[in-house]
All heavy atoms as atom14 arrays in JSON, in Angstrom:
{
  "sequence": "GPSMVGPSSSHTAGAVRIGLIARQLLAEQPVSVKIALY",
  "atom14_mask": [
    [1, 1, 1, 1, 0, 0, 0, 0, 0, 0, 0, 0, 0, 0],
    [1, 1, 1, 1, 1, 1, 1, 0, 0, 0, 0, 0, 0, 0],
    [1, 1, 1, 1, 1, 1, 0, 0, 0, 0, 0, 0, 0, 0],
    [1, 1, 1, 1, 1, 1, 1, 1, 0, 0, 0, 0, 0, 0],
    [1, 1, 1, 1, 1, 1, 1, 0, 0, 0, 0, 0, 0, 0],
    [1, 1, 1, 1, 0, 0, 0, 0, 0, 0, 0, 0, 0, 0],
    [1, 1, 1, 1, 1, 1, 1, 0, 0, 0, 0, 0, 0, 0],
    [1, 1, 1, 1, 1, 1, 0, 0, 0, 0, 0, 0, 0, 0],
    [1, 1, 1, 1, 1, 1, 0, 0, 0, 0, 0, 0, 0, 0],
    [1, 1, 1, 1, 1, 1, 0, 0, 0, 0, 0, 0, 0, 0],
    [1, 1, 1, 1, 1, 1, 1, 1, 1, 1, 0, 0, 0, 0],
    [1, 1, 1, 1, 1, 1, 1, 0, 0, 0, 0, 0, 0, 0],
    [1, 1, 1, 1, 1, 0, 0, 0, 0, 0, 0, 0, 0, 0],
    [1, 1, 1, 1, 0, 0, 0, 0, 0, 0, 0, 0, 0, 0],
    [1, 1, 1, 1, 1, 0, 0, 0, 0, 0, 0, 0, 0, 0],
    [1, 1, 1, 1, 1, 1, 1, 0, 0, 0, 0, 0, 0, 0],
    [1, 1, 1, 1, 1, 1, 1, 1, 1, 1, 1, 0, 0, 0],
    [1, 1, 1, 1, 1, 1, 1, 1, 0, 0, 0, 0, 0, 0],
    [1, 1, 1, 1, 0, 0, 0, 0, 0, 0, 0, 0, 0, 0],
    [1, 1, 1, 1, 1, 1, 1, 1, 0, 0, 0, 0, 0, 0],
    [1, 1, 1, 1, 1, 1, 1, 1, 0, 0, 0, 0, 0, 0],
    [1, 1, 1, 1, 1, 0, 0, 0, 0, 0, 0, 0, 0, 0],
    [1, 1, 1, 1, 1, 1, 1, 1, 1, 1, 1, 0, 0, 0],
    [1, 1, 1, 1, 1, 1, 1, 1, 1, 0, 0, 0, 0, 0],
    [1, 1, 1, 1, 1, 1, 1, 1, 0, 0, 0, 0, 0, 0],
    [1, 1, 1, 1, 1, 1, 1, 1, 0, 0, 0, 0, 0, 0],
    [1, 1, 1, 1, 1, 0, 0, 0, 0, 0, 0, 0, 0, 0],
    [1, 1, 1, 1, 1, 1, 1, 1, 1, 0, 0, 0, 0, 0],
    [1, 1, 1, 1, 1, 1, 1, 1, 1, 0, 0, 0, 0, 0],
    [1, 1, 1, 1, 1, 1, 1, 0, 0, 0, 0, 0, 0, 0],
    [1, 1, 1, 1, 1, 1, 1, 0, 0, 0, 0, 0, 0, 0],
    [1, 1, 1, 1, 1, 1, 0, 0, 0, 0, 0, 0, 0, 0],
    [1, 1, 1, 1, 1, 1, 1, 0, 0, 0, 0, 0, 0, 0],
    [1, 1, 1, 1, 1, 1, 1, 1, 1, 0, 0, 0, 0, 0],
    [1, 1, 1, 1, 1, 1, 1, 1, 0, 0, 0, 0, 0, 0],
    [1, 1, 1, 1, 1, 0, 0, 0, 0, 0, 0, 0, 0, 0],
    [1, 1, 1, 1, 1, 1, 1, 1, 0, 0, 0, 0, 0, 0],
    [1, 1, 1, 1, 1, 1, 1, 1, 1, 1, 1, 1, 0, 0]
  ],
  "atom14_positions": [
    [[11.66, -18.45, -25.06], [11.18, -17.31, -25.73], [12.25, -16.27, -26.05], [13.49, -16.6, -25.8], [0.0, 0.0, 0.0], [0.0, 0.0, 0.0], [0.0, 0.0, 0.0], [0.0, 0.0, 0.0], [0.0, 0.0, 0.0], [0.0, 0.0, 0.0], [0.0, 0.0, 0.0], [0.0, 0.0, 0.0], [0.0, 0.0, 0.0], [0.0, 0.0, 0.0]],
    [[11.9, -15.13, -26.49], [12.93, -14.16, -26.8], [13.58, -13.59, -25.56], [14.73, -12.99, -25.75], [12.13, -13.03, -27.5], [10.72, -13.15, -26.92], [10.55, -14.69, -26.75], [0.0, 0.0, 0.0], [0.0, 0.0, 0.0], [0.0, 0.0, 0.0], [0.0, 0.0, 0.0], [0.0, 0.0, 0.0], [0.0, 0.0, 0.0], [0.0, 0.0, 0.0]],
    [[13.08, -13.67, -24.4], [13.69, -13.04, -23.24], [13.8, -13.9, -22.0], [14.15, -13.46, -20.97], [12.97, -11.74, -22.96], [11.61, -12.0, -22.56], [0.0, 0.0, 0.0], [0.0, 0.0, 0.0], [0.0, 0.0, 0.0], [0.0, 0.0, 0.0], [0.0, 0.0, 0.0], [0.0, 0.0, 0.0], [0.0, 0.0, 0.0], [0.0, 0.0, 0.0]],
    [[13.33, -15.11, -22.06], [13.29, -15.95, -20.85], [13.31, -17.43, -21.12], [13.02, -17.87, -22.28], [12.02, -15.67, -20.04], [10.68, -16.09, -20.68], [9.33, -16.09, -19.64], [9.44, -17.72, -18.8], [0.0, 0.0, 0.0], [0.0, 0.0, 0.0], [0.0, 0.0, 0.0], [0.0, 0.0, 0.0], [0.0, 0.0, 0.0], [0.0, 0.0, 0.0]],
    [[13.77, -18.17, -20.23], [13.79, -19.64, -20.25], [12.88, -20.13, -19.07], [13.17, -19.83, -17.96], [15.16, -20.19, -20.14], [15.16, -21.75, -20.12], [16.06, -19.71, -21.29], [0.0, 0.0, 0.0], [0.0, 0.0, 0.0], [0.0, 0.0, 0.0], [0.0, 0.0, 0.0], [0.0, 0.0, 0.0], [0.0, 0.0, 0.0], [0.0, 0.0, 0.0]],
    [[11.84, -20.95, -19.33], [11.08, -21.51, -18.28], [9.58, -21.35, -18.47], [9.16, -20.72, -19.41], [0.0, 0.0, 0.0], [0.0, 0.0, 0.0], [0.0, 0.0, 0.0], [0.0, 0.0, 0.0], [0.0, 0.0, 0.0], [0.0, 0.0, 0.0], [0.0, 0.0, 0.0], [0.0, 0.0, 0.0], [0.0, 0.0, 0.0], [0.0, 0.0, 0.0]],
    [[8.87, -21.96, -17.64], [7.39, -21.98, -17.82], [6.6, -20.87, -17.33], [5.49, -20.7, -17.6], [7.0, -23.28, -17.04], [7.98, -23.31, -15.89], [9.3, -22.83, -16.54], [0.0, 0.0, 0.0], [0.0, 0.0, 0.0], [0.0, 0.0, 0.0], [0.0, 0.0, 0.0], [0.0, 0.0, 0.0], [0.0, 0.0, 0.0], [0.0, 0.0, 0.0]],
    [[7.29, -19.96, -16.51], [6.55, -18.89, -15.91], [7.45, -17.68, -15.77], [8.51, -17.75, -15.17], [6.08, -19.31, -14.44], [5.7, -18.2, -13.67], [0.0, 0.0, 0.0], [0.0, 0.0, 0.0], [0.0, 0.0, 0.0], [0.0, 0.0, 0.0], [0.0, 0.0, 0.0], [0.0, 0.0, 0.0], [0.0, 0.0, 0.0], [0.0, 0.0, 0.0]],
    [[7.0, -16.55, -16.29], [7.79, -15.29, -16.2], [7.98, -14.91, -14.74], [9.05, -14.36, -14.38], [7.12, -14.2, -17.06], [5.78, -13.94, -16.54], [0.0, 0.0, 0.0], [0.0, 0.0, 0.0], [0.0, 0.0, 0.0], [0.0, 0.0, 0.0], [0.0, 0.0, 0.0], [0.0, 0.0, 0.0], [0.0, 0.0, 0.0], [0.0, 0.0, 0.0]],
    [[6.98, -15.1, -13.94], [7.11, -14.66, -12.51], [8.05, -15.61, -11.76], [8.84, -15.17, -10.9], [5.75, -14.67, -11.87], [4.85, -13.75, -12.37], [0.0, 0.0, 0.0], [0.0, 0.0, 0.0], [0.0, 0.0, 0.0], [0.0, 0.0, 0.0], [0.0, 0.0, 0.0], [0.0, 0.0, 0.0], [0.0, 0.0, 0.0], [0.0, 0.0, 0.0]],
    [[7.88, -16.87, -12.04], [8.65, -17.89, -11.16], [10.04, -18.2, -11.75], [10.87, -18.72, -11.03], [7.88, -19.19, -11.05], [6.69, -18.98, -10.09], [6.63, -19.59, -8.85], [5.56, -18.34, -10.18], [5.51, -19.34, -8.25], [4.81, -18.57, -9.03], [0.0, 0.0, 0.0], [0.0, 0.0, 0.0], [0.0, 0.0, 0.0], [0.0, 0.0, 0.0]],
    [[10.29, -17.82, -13.0], [11.6, -18.15, -13.49], [12.29, -16.85, -13.97], [13.37, -16.44, -13.37], [11.48, -19.08, -14.74], [10.57, -18.65, -15.69], [11.09, -20.45, -14.24], [0.0, 0.0, 0.0], [0.0, 0.0, 0.0], [0.0, 0.0, 0.0], [0.0, 0.0, 0.0], [0.0, 0.0, 0.0], [0.0, 0.0, 0.0], [0.0, 0.0, 0.0]],
    [[11.79, -16.14, -14.92], [12.51, -14.89, -15.44], [12.72, -13.87, -14.32], [13.85, -13.34, -14.05], [11.7, -14.29, -16.59], [0.0, 0.0, 0.0], [0.0, 0.0, 0.0], [0.0, 0.0, 0.0], [0.0, 0.0, 0.0], [0.0, 0.0, 0.0], [0.0, 0.0, 0.0], [0.0, 0.0, 0.0], [0.0, 0.0, 0.0], [0.0, 0.0, 0.0]],
    [[11.66, -13.59, -13.57], [11.75, -12.7, -12.43], [12.75, -13.2, -11.34], [13.51, -12.37, -10.81], [0.0, 0.0, 0.0], [0.0, 0.0, 0.0], [0.0, 0.0, 0.0], [0.0, 0.0, 0.0], [0.0, 0.0, 0.0], [0.0, 0.0, 0.0], [0.0, 0.0, 0.0], [0.0, 0.0, 0.0], [0.0, 0.0, 0.0], [0.0, 0.0, 0.0]],
    [[12.74, -14.5, -11.08], [13.65, -15.07, -10.12], [15.09, -14.97, -10.58], [15.98, -14.73, -9.8], [13.3, -16.48, -9.84], [0.0, 0.0, 0.0], [0.0, 0.0, 0.0], [0.0, 0.0, 0.0], [0.0, 0.0, 0.0], [0.0, 0.0, 0.0], [0.0, 0.0, 0.0], [0.0, 0.0, 0.0], [0.0, 0.0, 0.0], [0.0, 0.0, 0.0]],
    [[15.32, -15.19, -11.88], [16.69, -14.99, -12.4], [17.2, -13.62, -12.07], [18.27, -13.36, -11.62], [16.8, -15.25, -13.9], [18.08, -14.85, -14.43], [16.57, -16.77, -14.17], [0.0, 0.0, 0.0], [0.0, 0.0, 0.0], [0.0, 0.0, 0.0], [0.0, 0.0, 0.0], [0.0, 0.0, 0.0], [0.0, 0.0, 0.0], [0.0, 0.0, 0.0]],
    [[16.36, -12.58, -12.35], [16.74, -11.18, -12.15], [16.99, -10.89, -10.68], [17.9, -10.1, -10.35], [15.62, -10.26, -12.73], [15.6, -10.22, -14.21], [14.5, -9.46, -14.78], [14.67, -9.27, -16.22], [13.75, -8.69, -16.99], [12.64, -8.26, -16.52], [13.99, -8.61, -18.28], [0.0, 0.0, 0.0], [0.0, 0.0, 0.0], [0.0, 0.0, 0.0]],
    [[16.21, -11.45, -9.78], [16.49, -11.23, -8.36], [17.84, -11.81, -7.96], [18.6, -11.16, -7.24], [15.42, -11.82, -7.5], [13.99, -11.16, -7.73], [15.72, -11.81, -6.0], [12.79, -11.84, -7.04], [0.0, 0.0, 0.0], [0.0, 0.0, 0.0], [0.0, 0.0, 0.0], [0.0, 0.0, 0.0], [0.0, 0.0, 0.0], [0.0, 0.0, 0.0]],
    [[18.1, -12.98, -8.42], [19.47, -13.64, -8.14], [20.55, -12.8, -8.74], [21.67, -12.57, -8.06], [0.0, 0.0, 0.0], [0.0, 0.0, 0.0], [0.0, 0.0, 0.0], [0.0, 0.0, 0.0], [0.0, 0.0, 0.0], [0.0, 0.0, 0.0], [0.0, 0.0, 0.0], [0.0, 0.0, 0.0], [0.0, 0.0, 0.0], [0.0, 0.0, 0.0]],
    [[20.39, -12.28, -9.97], [21.44, -11.49, -10.59], [21.67, -10.15, -9.83], [22.82, -9.74, -9.69], [21.13, -11.23, -12.03], [22.14, -10.5, -12.87], [23.51, -11.24, -12.8], [21.6, -10.38, -14.29], [0.0, 0.0, 0.0], [0.0, 0.0, 0.0], [0.0, 0.0, 0.0], [0.0, 0.0, 0.0], [0.0, 0.0, 0.0], [0.0, 0.0, 0.0]],
    [[20.59, -9.52, -9.45], [20.72, -8.25, -8.71], [21.51, -8.49, -7.4], [22.34, -7.76, -6.95], [19.36, -7.67, -8.4], [18.78, -7.05, -9.71], [19.49, -6.52, -7.31], [17.36, -6.62, -9.61], [0.0, 0.0, 0.0], [0.0, 0.0, 0.0], [0.0, 0.0, 0.0], [0.0, 0.0, 0.0], [0.0, 0.0, 0.0], [0.0, 0.0, 0.0]],
    [[21.25, -9.59, -6.71], [21.91, -9.93, -5.43], [23.4, -10.16, -5.69], [24.2, -9.75, -4.91], [21.28, -11.18, -4.79], [0.0, 0.0, 0.0], [0.0, 0.0, 0.0], [0.0, 0.0, 0.0], [0.0, 0.0, 0.0], [0.0, 0.0, 0.0], [0.0, 0.0, 0.0], [0.0, 0.0, 0.0], [0.0, 0.0, 0.0], [0.0, 0.0, 0.0]],
    [[23.73, -10.9, -6.77], [25.08, -11.12, -7.1], [25.82, -9.81, -7.41], [26.95, -9.63, -6.93], [25.18, -12.06, -8.3], [26.6, -12.23, -8.86], [26.6, -12.98, -10.19], [27.88, -13.01, -10.76], [28.71, -14.06, -10.79], [28.36, -15.19, -10.29], [29.92, -14.01, -11.44], [0.0, 0.0, 0.0], [0.0, 0.0, 0.0], [0.0, 0.0, 0.0]],
    [[25.18, -8.96, -8.11], [25.83, -7.66, -8.5], [25.95, -6.76, -7.24], [26.91, -6.01, -7.18], [25.05, -6.93, -9.6], [25.13, -7.73, -10.91], [24.47, -6.97, -12.02], [23.81, -6.04, -11.85], [24.69, -7.48, -13.31], [0.0, 0.0, 0.0], [0.0, 0.0, 0.0], [0.0, 0.0, 0.0], [0.0, 0.0, 0.0], [0.0, 0.0, 0.0]],
    [[25.04, -6.87, -6.33], [25.21, -6.1, -5.1], [26.39, -6.6, -4.28], [27.16, -5.8, -3.72], [23.89, -6.22, -4.18], [23.93, -5.42, -2.93], [24.0, -3.92, -3.21], [22.69, -5.69, -2.1], [0.0, 0.0, 0.0], [0.0, 0.0, 0.0], [0.0, 0.0, 0.0], [0.0, 0.0, 0.0], [0.0, 0.0, 0.0], [0.0, 0.0, 0.0]],
    [[26.69, -7.89, -4.3], [27.87, -8.41, -3.65], [29.11, -8.06, -4.42], [30.2, -8.01, -3.89], [27.72, -9.93, -3.48], [28.84, -10.64, -2.69], [28.8, -10.18, -1.18], [28.63, -12.13, -2.77], [0.0, 0.0, 0.0], [0.0, 0.0, 0.0], [0.0, 0.0, 0.0], [0.0, 0.0, 0.0], [0.0, 0.0, 0.0], [0.0, 0.0, 0.0]],
    [[28.93, -7.89, -5.71], [29.98, -7.49, -6.67], [30.96, -8.69, -6.95], [32.08, -8.42, -7.39], [30.82, -6.29, -6.22], [0.0, 0.0, 0.0], [0.0, 0.0, 0.0], [0.0, 0.0, 0.0], [0.0, 0.0, 0.0], [0.0, 0.0, 0.0], [0.0, 0.0, 0.0], [0.0, 0.0, 0.0], [0.0, 0.0, 0.0], [0.0, 0.0, 0.0]],
    [[30.61, -9.89, -6.68], [31.37, -11.05, -7.04], [30.47, -12.28, -6.85], [29.38, -12.23, -6.21], [32.64, -11.15, -6.24], [32.4, -11.42, -4.77], [33.74, -11.54, -4.06], [34.35, -10.45, -3.75], [34.21, -12.65, -3.76], [0.0, 0.0, 0.0], [0.0, 0.0, 0.0], [0.0, 0.0, 0.0], [0.0, 0.0, 0.0], [0.0, 0.0, 0.0]],
    [[31.02, -13.43, -7.29], [30.28, -14.67, -7.04], [30.4, -15.06, -5.61], [31.46, -15.09, -4.98], [30.96, -15.8, -7.93], [30.33, -17.11, -7.78], [30.96, -18.15, -8.7], [30.68, -18.19, -9.89], [31.76, -19.01, -8.17], [0.0, 0.0, 0.0], [0.0, 0.0, 0.0], [0.0, 0.0, 0.0], [0.0, 0.0, 0.0], [0.0, 0.0, 0.0]],
    [[29.22, -15.4, -4.95], [29.23, -15.78, -3.58], [29.8, -17.22, -3.41], [29.84, -17.99, -4.32], [27.77, -15.7, -3.16], [27.01, -16.06, -4.43], [27.87, -15.44, -5.52], [0.0, 0.0, 0.0], [0.0, 0.0, 0.0], [0.0, 0.0, 0.0], [0.0, 0.0, 0.0], [0.0, 0.0, 0.0], [0.0, 0.0, 0.0], [0.0, 0.0, 0.0]],
    [[30.16, -17.5, -2.16], [30.53, -18.93, -1.84], [29.4, -19.61, -1.14], [29.38, -20.86, -1.09], [31.81, -18.93, -0.96], [33.01, -18.37, -1.71], [31.61, -18.16, 0.31], [0.0, 0.0, 0.0], [0.0, 0.0, 0.0], [0.0, 0.0, 0.0], [0.0, 0.0, 0.0], [0.0, 0.0, 0.0], [0.0, 0.0, 0.0], [0.0, 0.0, 0.0]],
    [[28.51, -18.84, -0.48], [27.34, -19.51, 0.09], [26.16, -18.49, 0.07], [26.35, -17.25, 0.15], [27.6, -19.89, 1.6], [27.8, -18.74, 2.35], [0.0, 0.0, 0.0], [0.0, 0.0, 0.0], [0.0, 0.0, 0.0], [0.0, 0.0, 0.0], [0.0, 0.0, 0.0], [0.0, 0.0, 0.0], [0.0, 0.0, 0.0], [0.0, 0.0, 0.0]],
    [[24.94, -19.06, -0.1], [23.74, -18.26, -0.18], [22.63, -18.97, 0.66], [22.41, -20.15, 0.38], [23.34, -18.04, -1.65], [22.09, -17.08, -1.66], [24.44, -17.55, -2.47], [0.0, 0.0, 0.0], [0.0, 0.0, 0.0], [0.0, 0.0, 0.0], [0.0, 0.0, 0.0], [0.0, 0.0, 0.0], [0.0, 0.0, 0.0], [0.0, 0.0, 0.0]],
    [[21.96, -18.27, 1.46], [20.72, -18.72, 2.1], [19.53, -18.03, 1.49], [19.55, -16.75, 1.42], [20.79, -18.48, 3.59], [19.48, -18.96, 4.3], [19.54, -18.64, 5.78], [18.31, -19.07, 6.49], [18.3, -18.78, 7.93], [0.0, 0.0, 0.0], [0.0, 0.0, 0.0], [0.0, 0.0, 0.0], [0.0, 0.0, 0.0], [0.0, 0.0, 0.0]],
    [[18.55, -18.73, 0.92], [17.43, -18.16, 0.3], [16.2, -18.56, 1.02], [15.88, -19.79, 1.07], [17.35, -18.66, -1.2], [18.67, -18.24, -1.94], [16.15, -18.03, -1.93], [18.65, -18.73, -3.37], [0.0, 0.0, 0.0], [0.0, 0.0, 0.0], [0.0, 0.0, 0.0], [0.0, 0.0, 0.0], [0.0, 0.0, 0.0], [0.0, 0.0, 0.0]],
    [[15.44, -17.58, 1.45], [14.13, -17.79, 2.09], [13.08, -17.46, 1.11], [13.05, -16.36, 0.46], [13.92, -16.97, 3.36], [0.0, 0.0, 0.0], [0.0, 0.0, 0.0], [0.0, 0.0, 0.0], [0.0, 0.0, 0.0], [0.0, 0.0, 0.0], [0.0, 0.0, 0.0], [0.0, 0.0, 0.0], [0.0, 0.0, 0.0], [0.0, 0.0, 0.0]],
    [[12.14, -18.37, 0.84], [11.02, -18.26, -0.14], [9.75, -18.0, 0.64], [9.44, -18.64, 1.58], [10.96, -19.36, -0.99], [12.19, -19.8, -1.83], [12.06, -21.09, -2.51], [12.55, -18.63, -2.82], [0.0, 0.0, 0.0], [0.0, 0.0, 0.0], [0.0, 0.0, 0.0], [0.0, 0.0, 0.0], [0.0, 0.0, 0.0], [0.0, 0.0, 0.0]],
    [[8.92, -17.05, 0.1], [7.63, -16.63, 0.65], [6.55, -16.88, -0.31], [6.75, -16.87, -1.53], [7.67, -15.23, 1.09], [8.69, -14.89, 2.16], [10.04, -14.69, 1.86], [8.32, -14.75, 3.5], [10.94, -14.37, 2.8], [9.19, -14.4, 4.5], [10.57, -14.23, 4.15], [11.5, -13.95, 5.11], [0.0, 0.0, 0.0], [0.0, 0.0, 0.0]]
  ]
}
């Protein structure tokens, strides 16, 4: 679509944004990431 790739805005577009915010908080590309899903 015009603003997302994937079947679900909640499960894909929103998830991309969470990952990007985490990357920007670190201020660089991480070498390891542990992700807990709820």
